[in-house]
Amino acid sequence: MPKLLVDSALAGGAAAAASNASVRHEVIAQMFSTHRLLATIANNVNQMAKATNATGDVQAEMVATLRKVREVADRIDAFVDELSGAAS
């Protein structure tokens, strides 16, 4: 209850506080989703690195996976930029 009162006061009322709570919930959900995606990609990169080290040959999937890493990093950057813009 105290957090709701503080949020309400700082946000300009109960409706604004509820909206901010909704936005925070969405941000948290997006961050968890991004974390799971990065964990999956990291696992794939580790498996390909292990195979490359064992055989000396770069796996064909490496290029696509590293492209996906760049895509996820770009999504994270865009999300952080969006949050930064909303905070201004």
Protein backbone atom coordinates (compact mmCIF):
# COMPACT_ATOMS: atom_id res chain seq x y z
CA MET A 1 0.00 0.00 0.00
CA PRO A 2 2.72 2.60 0.78
CA LYS A 3 4.31 2.03 -2.64
CA LEU A 4 0.95 2.63 -4.32
CA LEU A 5 0.54 5.88 -2.40
CA VAL A 6 4.04 7.06 -3.32
CA ASP A 7 3.58 6.05 -6.97
CA SER A 8 0.21 7.78 -7.00
CA ALA A 9 1.61 10.99 -5.55
CA LEU A 10 4.66 11.06 -7.83
CA ALA A 11 2.74 10.09 -10.94
CA GLY A 12 0.00 12.66 -10.57
CA GLY A 13 -2.85 10.56 -9.25
CA ALA A 14 -4.16 7.03 -8.98
CA ALA A 15 -4.87 6.63 -12.71
CA ALA A 16 -1.34 7.69 -13.66
CA ALA A 17 0.14 5.42 -10.97
CA ALA A 18 -1.86 2.46 -12.31
CA SER A 19 -0.67 3.25 -15.82
CA ASN A 20 2.96 3.40 -14.62
CA ALA A 21 2.54 0.03 -12.88
CA SER A 22 1.22 -1.42 -16.12
CA VAL A 23 4.17 -0.05 -18.06
CA ARG A 24 6.62 -1.44 -15.47
CA HIS A 25 4.94 -4.85 -15.75
CA GLU A 26 5.34 -4.79 -19.55
CA VAL A 27 9.00 -3.73 -19.29
CA ILE A 28 9.70 -6.57 -16.86
CA ALA A 29 7.96 -9.08 -19.16
CA GLN A 30 10.00 -7.85 -22.14
CA MET A 31 13.25 -8.08 -20.19
CA PHE A 32 12.50 -11.67 -19.11
CA SER A 33 11.70 -12.57 -22.72
CA THR A 34 14.95 -11.01 -23.89
CA HIS A 35 16.88 -12.83 -21.18
CA ARG A 36 15.47 -16.20 -22.29
CA LEU A 37 16.33 -15.44 -25.92
CA LEU A 38 19.89 -14.49 -25.01
CA ALA A 39 20.29 -17.67 -22.96
CA THR A 40 19.17 -19.75 -25.94
CA ILE A 41 21.54 -17.94 -28.29
CA ALA A 42 24.44 -18.27 -25.83
CA ASN A 43 23.83 -22.00 -25.62
CA ASN A 44 23.91 -22.28 -29.42
CA VAL A 45 27.12 -20.26 -29.65
CA ASN A 46 28.76 -22.45 -26.99
CA GLN A 47 27.79 -25.62 -28.85
CA MET A 48 29.15 -24.27 -32.14
CA ALA A 49 32.36 -23.09 -30.48
CA LYS A 50 32.84 -26.55 -28.97
CA ALA A 51 32.31 -28.19 -32.37
CA THR A 52 34.64 -25.69 -34.06
CA ASN A 53 37.34 -26.33 -31.46
CA ALA A 54 36.97 -30.10 -31.86
CA THR A 55 37.01 -30.16 -35.67
CA GLY A 56 38.77 -26.95 -36.65
CA ASP A 57 35.88 -26.22 -39.04
CA VAL A 58 33.53 -23.27 -38.57
CA GLN A 59 29.94 -24.51 -38.43
CA ALA A 60 27.61 -23.24 -41.18
CA GLU A 61 25.10 -22.12 -38.55
CA MET A 62 27.64 -19.79 -36.95
CA VAL A 63 26.94 -16.91 -39.36
CA ALA A 64 23.17 -17.10 -38.84
CA THR A 65 23.56 -17.36 -35.08
CA LEU A 66 25.94 -14.42 -34.86
CA ARG A 67 23.54 -12.44 -37.06
CA LYS A 68 20.80 -13.25 -34.54
CA VAL A 69 23.07 -12.08 -31.71
CA ARG A 70 23.46 -8.74 -33.51
CA GLU A 71 19.67 -8.56 -34.04
CA VAL A 72 18.97 -9.15 -30.35
CA ALA A 73 21.62 -6.60 -29.35
CA ASP A 74 20.00 -4.07 -31.69
CA ARG A 75 16.58 -4.82 -30.16
CA ILE A 76 17.98 -4.26 -26.68
CA ASP A 77 19.57 -0.98 -27.78
CA ALA A 78 16.29 0.20 -29.31
CA PHE A 79 14.39 -0.78 -26.18
CA VAL A 80 16.82 1.09 -23.93
CA ASP A 81 16.61 4.12 -26.24
CA GLU A 82 12.81 3.94 -26.08
CA LEU A 83 12.91 3.80 -22.28
CA SER A 84 15.38 6.68 -22.16
CA GLY A 85 13.11 8.76 -24.39
CA ALA A 86 10.10 8.00 -22.20
CA ALA A 87 11.99 9.05 -19.09
CA SER A 88 12.82 12.49 -20.53
